[in-house]
Amino acid sequence: MSDNKQTIVRYSSGERINHWVTALTFILLTASGLALFHPAFFWLSHLLGSPTWTRILHPFIGVVMFVSFFILAIRLWRYNHFTKKDAEWLAAMPKVLKNEEDGVPLAGRYNGGQKILFFVLVILMLGLLGSGVVIWREYFSHLFGIDMIRLASVIHALFALLLICAIIVHIYAAIWVKGSVRAMTRGTVSHGWAWKHHREWFREEVRKQKAK
């Protein structure tokens, strides 16, 4: 078993920048989207300067988030292939939640739960982009009928709500598993953290280092 003094690189600087650009744009989109969605949140429109600027900038920020997220998704795609071991890990979820290790399959760079969240985010992002294009009044909405625009508006709001819920789960999990936040701020994790939570990935990284 490894200790907590030595560290190992989990995310490169490029991956971390990519992640935080996505996170920042998500925050701006959540605030501006809520301002446009319901009068109770109208005060959030001042975050981007004014209601007018909120309406103008919201879709452009959405494009930035989509592009940033999918650059990150492409970078991490090969680590998120679902395997039989991931299904076994998910079956052992009650033990994971109790912080028990016996009977829980060893995880690679990402466990089964993280992989499911990854693909949920991909689907939601695609849905938000597609519906967002349909309701983007300035450039595209004139290409679609009113019924399509109404349907797209409902889908956009629903997918936005689901994305917010998914990100809450993501943040909660990162805080709950102590040491995870450090991976996206400093780029490294302790050997002990890697051994406990992602042992197969840790062993593979150690083998790569020894082979250099």
N, C-alpha and C. Protein backbone atom coordinates (compact mmCIF):
# COMPACT_ATOMS: atom_id res chain seq x y z
N MET A 1 0.85 -1.21 0.00
CA MET A 1 0.00 0.00 0.00
C MET A 1 0.88 1.25 0.00
N SER A 2 0.48 2.28 -0.79
CA SER A 2 1.29 3.49 -0.90
C SER A 2 0.91 4.51 0.17
N ASP A 3 1.79 5.50 0.35
CA ASP A 3 1.56 6.50 1.39
C ASP A 3 0.91 7.75 0.83
N ASN A 4 0.73 8.74 1.73
CA ASN A 4 0.08 9.98 1.35
C ASN A 4 1.07 11.13 1.14
N LYS A 5 2.38 10.82 1.19
CA LYS A 5 3.37 11.88 1.03
C LYS A 5 3.77 12.04 -0.44
N GLN A 6 3.95 10.93 -1.12
CA GLN A 6 4.29 10.99 -2.53
C GLN A 6 3.04 11.32 -3.35
N THR A 7 3.24 11.99 -4.46
CA THR A 7 2.10 12.36 -5.31
C THR A 7 2.29 11.82 -6.72
N ILE A 8 1.18 11.75 -7.43
CA ILE A 8 1.19 11.28 -8.82
C ILE A 8 0.28 12.19 -9.62
N VAL A 9 0.66 12.49 -10.85
CA VAL A 9 -0.11 13.40 -11.69
C VAL A 9 -1.39 12.72 -12.16
N ARG A 10 -2.52 13.39 -11.92
CA ARG A 10 -3.81 12.86 -12.37
C ARG A 10 -4.35 13.67 -13.54
N TYR A 11 -4.14 14.99 -13.52
CA TYR A 11 -4.60 15.84 -14.62
C TYR A 11 -3.50 16.81 -15.02
N SER A 12 -3.31 16.96 -16.32
CA SER A 12 -2.31 17.90 -16.83
C SER A 12 -2.85 19.32 -16.68
N SER A 13 -1.98 20.30 -16.85
CA SER A 13 -2.41 21.70 -16.75
C SER A 13 -3.46 22.02 -17.81
N GLY A 14 -3.29 21.46 -19.01
CA GLY A 14 -4.26 21.68 -20.08
C GLY A 14 -5.63 21.14 -19.73
N GLU A 15 -5.67 19.96 -19.14
CA GLU A 15 -6.95 19.36 -18.73
C GLU A 15 -7.60 20.17 -17.62
N ARG A 16 -6.80 20.69 -16.71
CA ARG A 16 -7.36 21.48 -15.61
C ARG A 16 -7.91 22.80 -16.11
N ILE A 17 -7.19 23.46 -17.00
CA ILE A 17 -7.68 24.72 -17.58
C ILE A 17 -8.98 24.46 -18.32
N ASN A 18 -8.98 23.40 -19.10
CA ASN A 18 -10.17 22.99 -19.86
C ASN A 18 -11.36 22.80 -18.92
N HIS A 19 -11.13 22.11 -17.82
CA HIS A 19 -12.19 21.84 -16.83
C HIS A 19 -12.72 23.12 -16.23
N TRP A 20 -11.84 24.03 -15.84
CA TRP A 20 -12.28 25.25 -15.16
C TRP A 20 -12.93 26.25 -16.10
N VAL A 21 -12.55 26.24 -17.37
CA VAL A 21 -13.27 27.06 -18.36
C VAL A 21 -14.71 26.55 -18.49
N THR A 22 -14.85 25.22 -18.54
CA THR A 22 -16.19 24.63 -18.60
C THR A 22 -16.99 24.97 -17.34
N ALA A 23 -16.34 24.89 -16.19
CA ALA A 23 -17.01 25.18 -14.92
C ALA A 23 -17.45 26.64 -14.84
N LEU A 24 -16.58 27.55 -15.25
CA LEU A 24 -16.91 28.98 -15.19
C LEU A 24 -18.08 29.31 -16.12
N THR A 25 -18.03 28.79 -17.33
CA THR A 25 -19.12 29.06 -18.28
C THR A 25 -20.43 28.43 -17.79
N PHE A 26 -20.32 27.28 -17.13
CA PHE A 26 -21.52 26.65 -16.58
C PHE A 26 -22.16 27.55 -15.53
N ILE A 27 -21.37 28.15 -14.66
CA ILE A 27 -21.89 29.05 -13.62
C ILE A 27 -22.59 30.25 -14.26
N LEU A 28 -21.94 30.83 -15.27
CA LEU A 28 -22.53 32.00 -15.95
C LEU A 28 -23.83 31.62 -16.66
N LEU A 29 -23.84 30.44 -17.26
CA LEU A 29 -25.04 29.99 -17.97
C LEU A 29 -26.17 29.67 -17.01
N THR A 30 -25.83 29.08 -15.86
CA THR A 30 -26.86 28.77 -14.87
C THR A 30 -27.52 30.05 -14.37
N ALA A 31 -26.70 31.03 -14.04
CA ALA A 31 -27.23 32.31 -13.54
C ALA A 31 -28.06 33.03 -14.59
N SER A 32 -27.52 33.15 -15.80
CA SER A 32 -28.24 33.86 -16.86
C SER A 32 -29.46 33.08 -17.32
N GLY A 33 -29.36 31.75 -17.35
CA GLY A 33 -30.49 30.92 -17.75
C GLY A 33 -31.64 31.04 -16.77
N LEU A 34 -31.34 31.03 -15.47
CA LEU A 34 -32.38 31.19 -14.45
C LEU A 34 -33.03 32.57 -14.56
N ALA A 35 -32.22 33.59 -14.87
CA ALA A 35 -32.75 34.95 -15.02
C ALA A 35 -33.74 35.03 -16.18
N LEU A 36 -33.45 34.29 -17.25
CA LEU A 36 -34.34 34.29 -18.41
C LEU A 36 -35.53 33.36 -18.23
N PHE A 37 -35.39 32.40 -17.31
CA PHE A 37 -36.42 31.38 -17.14
C PHE A 37 -37.59 31.82 -16.27
N HIS A 38 -37.30 32.55 -15.19
CA HIS A 38 -38.36 32.90 -14.24
C HIS A 38 -38.11 34.28 -13.63
N PRO A 39 -39.16 35.08 -13.47
CA PRO A 39 -39.01 36.44 -12.90
C PRO A 39 -38.36 36.46 -11.52
N ALA A 40 -38.53 35.38 -10.75
CA ALA A 40 -37.95 35.35 -9.40
C ALA A 40 -36.43 35.42 -9.43
N PHE A 41 -35.85 35.01 -10.57
CA PHE A 41 -34.39 35.02 -10.69
C PHE A 41 -33.90 36.15 -11.60
N PHE A 42 -34.80 37.11 -11.91
CA PHE A 42 -34.44 38.16 -12.86
C PHE A 42 -33.23 38.97 -12.40
N TRP A 43 -33.06 39.10 -11.09
CA TRP A 43 -31.95 39.89 -10.55
C TRP A 43 -30.59 39.34 -10.97
N LEU A 44 -30.55 38.04 -11.32
CA LEU A 44 -29.29 37.45 -11.76
C LEU A 44 -28.84 37.98 -13.11
N SER A 45 -29.75 38.63 -13.84
CA SER A 45 -29.40 39.16 -15.16
C SER A 45 -28.34 40.25 -15.07
N HIS A 46 -28.20 40.86 -13.89
CA HIS A 46 -27.21 41.93 -13.72
C HIS A 46 -25.79 41.36 -13.62
N LEU A 47 -25.67 40.05 -13.48
CA LEU A 47 -24.34 39.44 -13.44
C LEU A 47 -23.59 39.68 -14.74
N LEU A 48 -24.31 39.72 -15.85
CA LEU A 48 -23.69 39.96 -17.16
C LEU A 48 -23.89 41.39 -17.63
N GLY A 49 -24.27 42.28 -16.72
CA GLY A 49 -24.36 43.70 -17.06
C GLY A 49 -25.77 44.24 -17.07
N SER A 50 -26.66 43.55 -17.77
CA SER A 50 -28.05 43.99 -17.88
C SER A 50 -28.89 42.87 -18.48
N PRO A 51 -30.22 42.99 -18.40
CA PRO A 51 -31.07 41.97 -19.03
C PRO A 51 -30.80 41.80 -20.52
N THR A 52 -30.55 42.91 -21.19
CA THR A 52 -30.27 42.85 -22.64
C THR A 52 -29.00 42.07 -22.92
N TRP A 53 -27.95 42.40 -22.18
CA TRP A 53 -26.69 41.69 -22.38
C TRP A 53 -26.80 40.22 -21.98
N THR A 54 -27.62 39.94 -20.99
CA THR A 54 -27.84 38.55 -20.59
C THR A 54 -28.45 37.76 -21.74
N ARG A 55 -29.47 38.36 -22.38
CA ARG A 55 -30.14 37.69 -23.50
C ARG A 55 -29.19 37.52 -24.69
N ILE A 56 -28.29 38.49 -24.90
CA ILE A 56 -27.36 38.42 -26.02
C ILE A 56 -26.24 37.41 -25.75
N LEU A 57 -25.68 37.47 -24.54
CA LEU A 57 -24.48 36.68 -24.24
C LEU A 57 -24.76 35.22 -23.88
N HIS A 58 -25.94 34.93 -23.35
CA HIS A 58 -26.24 33.57 -22.90
C HIS A 58 -25.95 32.51 -23.96
N PRO A 59 -26.45 32.64 -25.19
CA PRO A 59 -26.17 31.60 -26.19
C PRO A 59 -24.71 31.52 -26.60
N PHE A 60 -24.01 32.66 -26.63
CA PHE A 60 -22.60 32.64 -27.00
C PHE A 60 -21.76 31.93 -25.93
N ILE A 61 -22.09 32.21 -24.66
CA ILE A 61 -21.40 31.52 -23.58
C ILE A 61 -21.70 30.03 -23.65
N GLY A 62 -22.93 29.70 -24.06
CA GLY A 62 -23.30 28.30 -24.22
C GLY A 62 -22.44 27.59 -25.25
N VAL A 63 -22.14 28.26 -26.33
CA VAL A 63 -21.27 27.68 -27.36
C VAL A 63 -19.87 27.45 -26.81
N VAL A 64 -19.37 28.42 -26.03
CA VAL A 64 -18.05 28.28 -25.43
C VAL A 64 -18.02 27.08 -24.50
N MET A 65 -19.07 26.93 -23.66
CA MET A 65 -19.11 25.79 -22.75
C MET A 65 -19.16 24.48 -23.52
N PHE A 66 -19.96 24.43 -24.56
CA PHE A 66 -20.09 23.20 -25.35
C PHE A 66 -18.74 22.81 -25.95
N VAL A 67 -18.06 23.77 -26.57
CA VAL A 67 -16.77 23.49 -27.20
C VAL A 67 -15.74 23.06 -26.15
N SER A 68 -15.69 23.79 -25.03
CA SER A 68 -14.74 23.47 -23.97
C SER A 68 -15.00 22.09 -23.41
N PHE A 69 -16.28 21.78 -23.14
CA PHE A 69 -16.62 20.47 -22.59
C PHE A 69 -16.23 19.35 -23.54
N PHE A 70 -16.51 19.52 -24.83
CA PHE A 70 -16.24 18.42 -25.74
C PHE A 70 -14.76 18.26 -26.06
N ILE A 71 -13.98 19.30 -25.92
CA ILE A 71 -12.53 19.14 -26.00
C ILE A 71 -12.06 18.27 -24.84
N LEU A 72 -12.60 18.56 -23.64
CA LEU A 72 -12.27 17.76 -22.45
C LEU A 72 -12.78 16.33 -22.60
N ALA A 73 -13.99 16.18 -23.13
CA ALA A 73 -14.58 14.85 -23.31
C ALA A 73 -13.76 14.01 -24.28
N ILE A 74 -13.26 14.63 -25.34
CA ILE A 74 -12.42 13.90 -26.30
C ILE A 74 -11.13 13.45 -25.63
N ARG A 75 -10.57 14.33 -24.79
CA ARG A 75 -9.34 13.99 -24.08
C ARG A 75 -9.52 12.79 -23.15
N LEU A 76 -10.72 12.71 -22.54
CA LEU A 76 -10.95 11.69 -21.51
C LEU A 76 -11.77 10.51 -22.01
N TRP A 77 -12.15 10.52 -23.28
CA TRP A 77 -13.05 9.50 -23.83
C TRP A 77 -12.50 8.09 -23.64
N ARG A 78 -11.22 7.90 -23.92
CA ARG A 78 -10.64 6.56 -23.88
C ARG A 78 -10.61 5.96 -22.47
N TYR A 79 -10.76 6.81 -21.46
CA TYR A 79 -10.75 6.31 -20.09
C TYR A 79 -12.15 5.97 -19.58
N ASN A 80 -13.17 6.23 -20.40
CA ASN A 80 -14.54 6.08 -19.95
C ASN A 80 -15.31 4.97 -20.65
N HIS A 81 -14.60 4.05 -21.29
CA HIS A 81 -15.26 2.89 -21.88
C HIS A 81 -15.81 2.00 -20.77
N PHE A 82 -17.08 1.65 -20.88
CA PHE A 82 -17.73 0.87 -19.84
C PHE A 82 -17.35 -0.60 -19.97
N THR A 83 -16.99 -1.23 -18.86
CA THR A 83 -16.58 -2.64 -18.85
C THR A 83 -17.42 -3.44 -17.85
N LYS A 84 -17.22 -4.74 -17.87
CA LYS A 84 -17.92 -5.62 -16.93
C LYS A 84 -17.55 -5.28 -15.49
N LYS A 85 -16.32 -4.90 -15.28
CA LYS A 85 -15.86 -4.56 -13.93
C LYS A 85 -16.58 -3.31 -13.42
N ASP A 86 -16.93 -2.39 -14.34
CA ASP A 86 -17.67 -1.19 -13.94
C ASP A 86 -19.07 -1.56 -13.46
N ALA A 87 -19.68 -2.54 -14.13
CA ALA A 87 -21.00 -3.01 -13.72
C ALA A 87 -20.93 -3.65 -12.33
N GLU A 88 -19.84 -4.36 -12.09
CA GLU A 88 -19.65 -4.98 -10.78
C GLU A 88 -19.43 -3.91 -9.71
N TRP A 89 -18.72 -2.85 -10.08
CA TRP A 89 -18.48 -1.74 -9.15
C TRP A 89 -19.81 -1.08 -8.77
N LEU A 90 -20.67 -0.88 -9.78
CA LEU A 90 -21.97 -0.26 -9.52
C LEU A 90 -22.84 -1.16 -8.63
N ALA A 91 -22.73 -2.47 -8.83
CA ALA A 91 -23.48 -3.42 -8.00
C ALA A 91 -23.03 -3.35 -6.54
N ALA A 92 -21.78 -2.94 -6.35
CA ALA A 92 -21.22 -2.83 -5.00
C ALA A 92 -21.40 -1.42 -4.42
N MET A 93 -22.25 -0.61 -5.06
CA MET A 93 -22.43 0.77 -4.62
C MET A 93 -22.78 0.91 -3.15
N PRO A 94 -23.64 0.05 -2.56
CA PRO A 94 -23.93 0.18 -1.12
C PRO A 94 -22.67 0.13 -0.27
N LYS A 95 -21.71 -0.71 -0.64
CA LYS A 95 -20.45 -0.79 0.10
C LYS A 95 -19.61 0.46 -0.12
N VAL A 96 -19.64 0.98 -1.35
CA VAL A 96 -18.89 2.21 -1.66
C VAL A 96 -19.40 3.35 -0.79
N LEU A 97 -20.72 3.47 -0.68
CA LEU A 97 -21.32 4.55 0.10
C LEU A 97 -21.01 4.43 1.59
N LYS A 98 -20.76 3.19 2.03
CA LYS A 98 -20.39 2.96 3.43
C LYS A 98 -18.88 3.05 3.65
N ASN A 99 -18.16 3.38 2.55
CA ASN A 99 -16.71 3.49 2.59
C ASN A 99 -16.03 2.16 2.91
N GLU A 100 -16.67 1.06 2.49
CA GLU A 100 -16.09 -0.27 2.66
C GLU A 100 -15.32 -0.66 1.41
N GLU A 101 -14.23 -1.40 1.58
CA GLU A 101 -13.39 -1.78 0.45
C GLU A 101 -13.54 -3.25 0.08
N ASP A 102 -13.85 -4.10 1.02
CA ASP A 102 -13.99 -5.52 0.75
C ASP A 102 -15.16 -5.78 -0.21
N GLY A 103 -14.87 -6.50 -1.28
CA GLY A 103 -15.92 -6.83 -2.24
C GLY A 103 -16.17 -5.77 -3.29
N VAL A 104 -15.42 -4.66 -3.24
CA VAL A 104 -15.57 -3.60 -4.24
C VAL A 104 -14.48 -3.77 -5.29
N PRO A 105 -14.85 -3.96 -6.56
CA PRO A 105 -13.85 -4.15 -7.62
C PRO A 105 -12.90 -2.95 -7.72
N LEU A 106 -11.66 -3.21 -8.07
CA LEU A 106 -10.68 -2.14 -8.23
C LEU A 106 -11.05 -1.29 -9.46
N ALA A 107 -10.86 0.00 -9.32
CA ALA A 107 -11.22 0.92 -10.40
C ALA A 107 -10.00 1.38 -11.18
N GLY A 108 -10.22 1.66 -12.46
CA GLY A 108 -9.18 2.24 -13.29
C GLY A 108 -9.14 3.74 -13.05
N ARG A 109 -8.86 4.52 -14.10
CA ARG A 109 -8.80 5.97 -13.91
C ARG A 109 -10.15 6.51 -13.43
N TYR A 110 -11.24 5.91 -13.93
CA TYR A 110 -12.58 6.30 -13.48
C TYR A 110 -13.38 5.06 -13.09
N ASN A 111 -14.21 5.19 -12.07
CA ASN A 111 -15.05 4.07 -11.68
C ASN A 111 -16.37 4.10 -12.46
N GLY A 112 -17.21 3.09 -12.21
CA GLY A 112 -18.46 2.97 -12.95
C GLY A 112 -19.37 4.17 -12.79
N GLY A 113 -19.47 4.71 -11.58
CA GLY A 113 -20.30 5.87 -11.35
C GLY A 113 -19.84 7.09 -12.12
N GLN A 114 -18.53 7.31 -12.15
CA GLN A 114 -17.97 8.45 -12.87
C GLN A 114 -18.19 8.31 -14.38
N LYS A 115 -18.13 7.09 -14.87
CA LYS A 115 -18.34 6.86 -16.30
C LYS A 115 -19.79 7.12 -16.70
N ILE A 116 -20.72 6.71 -15.85
CA ILE A 116 -22.14 7.00 -16.12
C ILE A 116 -22.37 8.50 -16.15
N LEU A 117 -21.80 9.22 -15.18
CA LEU A 117 -21.95 10.67 -15.14
C LEU A 117 -21.34 11.30 -16.39
N PHE A 118 -20.21 10.78 -16.84
CA PHE A 118 -19.55 11.30 -18.03
C PHE A 118 -20.50 11.25 -19.24
N PHE A 119 -21.13 10.11 -19.46
CA PHE A 119 -22.00 9.97 -20.63
C PHE A 119 -23.33 10.71 -20.45
N VAL A 120 -23.79 10.84 -19.21
CA VAL A 120 -24.97 11.66 -18.95
C VAL A 120 -24.68 13.10 -19.34
N LEU A 121 -23.50 13.61 -18.98
CA LEU A 121 -23.11 14.97 -19.33
C LEU A 121 -23.00 15.15 -20.84
N VAL A 122 -22.45 14.16 -21.53
CA VAL A 122 -22.34 14.23 -22.99
C VAL A 122 -23.72 14.36 -23.62
N ILE A 123 -24.66 13.52 -23.19
CA ILE A 123 -26.01 13.54 -23.74
C ILE A 123 -26.71 14.87 -23.45
N LEU A 124 -26.57 15.35 -22.21
CA LEU A 124 -27.22 16.61 -21.84
C LEU A 124 -26.63 17.78 -22.62
N MET A 125 -25.33 17.79 -22.80
CA MET A 125 -24.69 18.87 -23.55
C MET A 125 -25.16 18.89 -25.00
N LEU A 126 -25.28 17.71 -25.61
CA LEU A 126 -25.76 17.63 -26.98
C LEU A 126 -27.21 18.12 -27.08
N GLY A 127 -28.03 17.72 -26.10
CA GLY A 127 -29.42 18.16 -26.09
C GLY A 127 -29.55 19.66 -25.90
N LEU A 128 -28.72 20.23 -25.04
CA LEU A 128 -28.75 21.67 -24.82
C LEU A 128 -28.29 22.44 -26.06
N LEU A 129 -27.28 21.93 -26.74
CA LEU A 129 -26.82 22.59 -27.95
C LEU A 129 -27.90 22.56 -29.03
N GLY A 130 -28.46 21.37 -29.27
CA GLY A 130 -29.47 21.24 -30.31
C GLY A 130 -30.70 22.10 -30.05
N SER A 131 -31.23 22.03 -28.83
CA SER A 131 -32.41 22.83 -28.50
C SER A 131 -32.08 24.32 -28.46
N GLY A 132 -30.86 24.64 -28.02
CA GLY A 132 -30.45 26.04 -27.96
C GLY A 132 -30.37 26.68 -29.33
N VAL A 133 -29.90 25.92 -30.31
CA VAL A 133 -29.83 26.43 -31.68
C VAL A 133 -31.23 26.75 -32.20
N VAL A 134 -32.18 25.86 -31.92
CA VAL A 134 -33.55 26.06 -32.40
C VAL A 134 -34.17 27.34 -31.83
N ILE A 135 -33.88 27.64 -30.57
CA ILE A 135 -34.52 28.81 -29.95
C ILE A 135 -33.63 30.06 -29.97
N TRP A 136 -32.48 30.00 -30.67
CA TRP A 136 -31.60 31.17 -30.76
C TRP A 136 -32.22 32.16 -31.75
N ARG A 137 -32.99 33.07 -31.21
CA ARG A 137 -33.84 33.94 -32.02
C ARG A 137 -33.07 34.74 -33.08
N GLU A 138 -31.93 35.26 -32.71
CA GLU A 138 -31.19 36.16 -33.60
C GLU A 138 -30.73 35.48 -34.88
N TYR A 139 -30.38 34.20 -34.79
CA TYR A 139 -29.75 33.55 -35.94
C TYR A 139 -30.51 32.35 -36.53
N PHE A 140 -31.21 31.59 -35.69
CA PHE A 140 -31.73 30.31 -36.19
C PHE A 140 -33.23 30.09 -36.02
N SER A 141 -33.87 30.74 -35.06
CA SER A 141 -35.27 30.40 -34.76
C SER A 141 -36.20 30.62 -35.95
N HIS A 142 -35.84 31.53 -36.87
CA HIS A 142 -36.70 31.79 -38.03
C HIS A 142 -36.72 30.61 -39.00
N LEU A 143 -35.80 29.67 -38.79
CA LEU A 143 -35.75 28.49 -39.66
C LEU A 143 -36.72 27.40 -39.21
N PHE A 144 -37.33 27.57 -38.04
CA PHE A 144 -38.18 26.53 -37.47
C PHE A 144 -39.59 27.05 -37.19
N GLY A 145 -40.56 26.13 -37.20
CA GLY A 145 -41.92 26.50 -36.91
C GLY A 145 -42.12 26.76 -35.42
N ILE A 146 -43.23 27.40 -35.09
CA ILE A 146 -43.49 27.78 -33.70
C ILE A 146 -43.61 26.56 -32.78
N ASP A 147 -44.20 25.47 -33.30
CA ASP A 147 -44.32 24.26 -32.48
C ASP A 147 -42.96 23.67 -32.14
N MET A 148 -42.05 23.68 -33.11
CA MET A 148 -40.69 23.18 -32.88
C MET A 148 -39.96 24.05 -31.87
N ILE A 149 -40.15 25.35 -31.96
CA ILE A 149 -39.50 26.27 -31.03
C ILE A 149 -40.02 26.07 -29.62
N ARG A 150 -41.32 25.86 -29.48
CA ARG A 150 -41.90 25.62 -28.16
C ARG A 150 -41.38 24.32 -27.57
N LEU A 151 -41.33 23.28 -28.38
CA LEU A 151 -40.82 21.99 -27.91
C LEU A 151 -39.36 22.12 -27.50
N ALA A 152 -38.57 22.82 -28.33
CA ALA A 152 -37.15 23.01 -28.03
C ALA A 152 -36.96 23.80 -26.73
N SER A 153 -37.85 24.75 -26.47
CA SER A 153 -37.76 25.55 -25.24
C SER A 153 -37.97 24.67 -24.02
N VAL A 154 -38.93 23.76 -24.10
CA VAL A 154 -39.20 22.85 -22.99
C VAL A 154 -38.02 21.91 -22.79
N ILE A 155 -37.51 21.35 -23.90
CA ILE A 155 -36.37 20.43 -23.82
C ILE A 155 -35.15 21.15 -23.24
N HIS A 156 -34.93 22.38 -23.68
CA HIS A 156 -33.76 23.15 -23.20
C HIS A 156 -33.85 23.36 -21.69
N ALA A 157 -35.03 23.74 -21.21
CA ALA A 157 -35.21 23.97 -19.77
C ALA A 157 -35.04 22.66 -18.99
N LEU A 158 -35.61 21.57 -19.52
CA LEU A 158 -35.51 20.28 -18.83
C LEU A 158 -34.07 19.79 -18.77
N PHE A 159 -33.37 19.88 -19.90
CA PHE A 159 -31.97 19.42 -19.94
C PHE A 159 -31.09 20.30 -19.07
N ALA A 160 -31.41 21.60 -19.01
CA ALA A 160 -30.63 22.50 -18.14
C ALA A 160 -30.81 22.11 -16.68
N LEU A 161 -32.04 21.79 -16.29
CA LEU A 161 -32.30 21.35 -14.92
C LEU A 161 -31.56 20.06 -14.61
N LEU A 162 -31.59 19.12 -15.53
CA LEU A 162 -30.90 17.85 -15.33
C LEU A 162 -29.39 18.06 -15.25
N LEU A 163 -28.86 18.99 -16.06
CA LEU A 163 -27.43 19.28 -16.02
C LEU A 163 -27.04 19.87 -14.68
N ILE A 164 -27.86 20.78 -14.16
CA ILE A 164 -27.58 21.37 -12.85
C ILE A 164 -27.55 20.28 -11.78
N CYS A 165 -28.51 19.36 -11.84
CA CYS A 165 -28.55 18.25 -10.87
C CYS A 165 -27.31 17.36 -11.00
N ALA A 166 -26.91 17.09 -12.25
CA ALA A 166 -25.73 16.24 -12.49
C ALA A 166 -24.47 16.90 -11.96
N ILE A 167 -24.35 18.22 -12.13
CA ILE A 167 -23.18 18.93 -11.64
C ILE A 167 -23.16 18.99 -10.12
N ILE A 168 -24.34 19.09 -9.51
CA ILE A 168 -24.41 19.05 -8.04
C ILE A 168 -23.89 17.71 -7.54
N VAL A 169 -24.29 16.62 -8.20
CA VAL A 169 -23.80 15.29 -7.84
C VAL A 169 -22.28 15.23 -8.01
N HIS A 170 -21.80 15.79 -9.11
CA HIS A 170 -20.36 15.81 -9.40
C HIS A 170 -19.59 16.55 -8.31
N ILE A 171 -20.08 17.72 -7.92
CA ILE A 171 -19.42 18.52 -6.88
C ILE A 171 -19.47 17.82 -5.53
N TYR A 172 -20.63 17.26 -5.21
CA TYR A 172 -20.78 16.56 -3.93
C TYR A 172 -19.81 15.39 -3.83
N ALA A 173 -19.72 14.61 -4.93
CA ALA A 173 -18.82 13.45 -4.94
C ALA A 173 -17.36 13.88 -4.79
N ALA A 174 -17.01 15.01 -5.44
CA ALA A 174 -15.63 15.50 -5.37
C ALA A 174 -15.27 15.93 -3.94
N ILE A 175 -16.25 16.53 -3.23
CA ILE A 175 -16.01 16.95 -1.85
C ILE A 175 -16.02 15.74 -0.91
N TRP A 176 -16.95 14.80 -1.17
CA TRP A 176 -17.10 13.62 -0.32
C TRP A 176 -15.85 12.75 -0.35
N VAL A 177 -15.27 12.55 -1.54
CA VAL A 177 -14.05 11.76 -1.66
C VAL A 177 -12.87 12.71 -1.44
N LYS A 178 -12.42 12.80 -0.21
CA LYS A 178 -11.37 13.74 0.16
C LYS A 178 -10.12 13.55 -0.69
N GLY A 179 -9.62 14.66 -1.26
CA GLY A 179 -8.45 14.61 -2.11
C GLY A 179 -8.77 14.78 -3.57
N SER A 180 -10.06 14.65 -3.94
CA SER A 180 -10.45 14.75 -5.35
C SER A 180 -10.34 16.18 -5.87
N VAL A 181 -10.70 17.15 -5.02
CA VAL A 181 -10.64 18.55 -5.45
C VAL A 181 -9.20 18.94 -5.78
N ARG A 182 -8.27 18.44 -5.00
CA ARG A 182 -6.85 18.73 -5.24
C ARG A 182 -6.43 18.30 -6.64
N ALA A 183 -7.01 17.22 -7.14
CA ALA A 183 -6.65 16.72 -8.47
C ALA A 183 -6.93 17.76 -9.54
N MET A 184 -8.00 18.56 -9.37
CA MET A 184 -8.36 19.56 -10.37
C MET A 184 -7.85 20.96 -10.04
N THR A 185 -7.17 21.12 -8.91
CA THR A 185 -6.57 22.41 -8.57
C THR A 185 -5.05 22.35 -8.73
N ARG A 186 -4.44 21.29 -8.18
CA ARG A 186 -2.99 21.14 -8.28
C ARG A 186 -2.56 20.16 -9.36
N GLY A 187 -3.49 19.29 -9.76
CA GLY A 187 -3.18 18.31 -10.80
C GLY A 187 -2.66 16.99 -10.29
N THR A 188 -2.38 16.92 -8.99
CA THR A 188 -1.82 15.69 -8.43
C THR A 188 -2.68 15.13 -7.31
N VAL A 189 -2.48 13.85 -7.03
CA VAL A 189 -3.13 13.20 -5.89
C VAL A 189 -2.06 12.41 -5.16
N SER A 190 -2.32 12.09 -3.91
CA SER A 190 -1.35 11.30 -3.15
C SER A 190 -1.38 9.85 -3.62
N HIS A 191 -0.30 9.15 -3.38
CA HIS A 191 -0.25 7.72 -3.72
C HIS A 191 -1.31 6.96 -2.94
N GLY A 192 -1.53 7.37 -1.68
CA GLY A 192 -2.53 6.71 -0.86
C GLY A 192 -3.93 6.87 -1.43
N TRP A 193 -4.25 8.07 -1.91
CA TRP A 193 -5.56 8.34 -2.53
C TRP A 193 -5.73 7.49 -3.78
N ALA A 194 -4.71 7.49 -4.62
CA ALA A 194 -4.77 6.73 -5.87
C ALA A 194 -4.92 5.23 -5.60
N TRP A 195 -4.18 4.75 -4.59
CA TRP A 195 -4.24 3.33 -4.24
C TRP A 195 -5.64 2.94 -3.74
N LYS A 196 -6.24 3.79 -2.94
CA LYS A 196 -7.54 3.48 -2.35
C LYS A 196 -8.68 3.57 -3.36
N HIS A 197 -8.67 4.63 -4.19
CA HIS A 197 -9.83 4.89 -5.04
C HIS A 197 -9.70 4.42 -6.49
N HIS A 198 -8.47 4.39 -7.01
CA HIS A 198 -8.28 4.04 -8.42
C HIS A 198 -7.02 3.19 -8.57
N ARG A 199 -7.03 2.03 -7.92
CA ARG A 199 -5.81 1.23 -7.78
C ARG A 199 -5.27 0.73 -9.12
N GLU A 200 -6.13 0.30 -10.03
CA GLU A 200 -5.65 -0.19 -11.32
C GLU A 200 -4.97 0.93 -12.10
N TRP A 201 -5.56 2.12 -12.06
CA TRP A 201 -4.94 3.28 -12.74
C TRP A 201 -3.60 3.60 -12.09
N PHE A 202 -3.55 3.57 -10.77
CA PHE A 202 -2.31 3.86 -10.04
C PHE A 202 -1.20 2.88 -10.44
N ARG A 203 -1.52 1.59 -10.46
CA ARG A 203 -0.53 0.59 -10.83
C ARG A 203 -0.02 0.80 -12.26
N GLU A 204 -0.93 1.15 -13.14
CA GLU A 204 -0.54 1.38 -14.54
C GLU A 204 0.39 2.59 -14.65
N GLU A 205 0.08 3.66 -13.92
CA GLU A 205 0.91 4.86 -13.96
C GLU A 205 2.30 4.58 -13.37
N VAL A 206 2.36 3.80 -12.31
CA VAL A 206 3.65 3.44 -11.69
C VAL A 206 4.48 2.63 -12.66
N ARG A 207 3.84 1.69 -13.38
CA ARG A 207 4.56 0.89 -14.38
C ARG A 207 5.11 1.77 -15.49
N LYS A 208 4.35 2.76 -15.89
CA LYS A 208 4.82 3.69 -16.95
C LYS A 208 6.03 4.47 -16.47
N GLN A 209 5.99 4.93 -15.22
CA GLN A 209 7.12 5.69 -14.68
C GLN A 209 8.38 4.85 -14.58
N LYS A 210 8.22 3.58 -14.19
CA LYS A 210 9.37 2.69 -14.06
C LYS A 210 9.96 2.33 -15.43
N ALA A 211 9.08 2.35 -16.45
CA ALA A 211 9.54 1.97 -17.79
C ALA A 211 10.29 3.11 -18.48
N LYS A 212 10.18 4.32 -17.95
CA LYS A 212 10.87 5.46 -18.56
C LYS A 212 12.38 5.40 -18.28
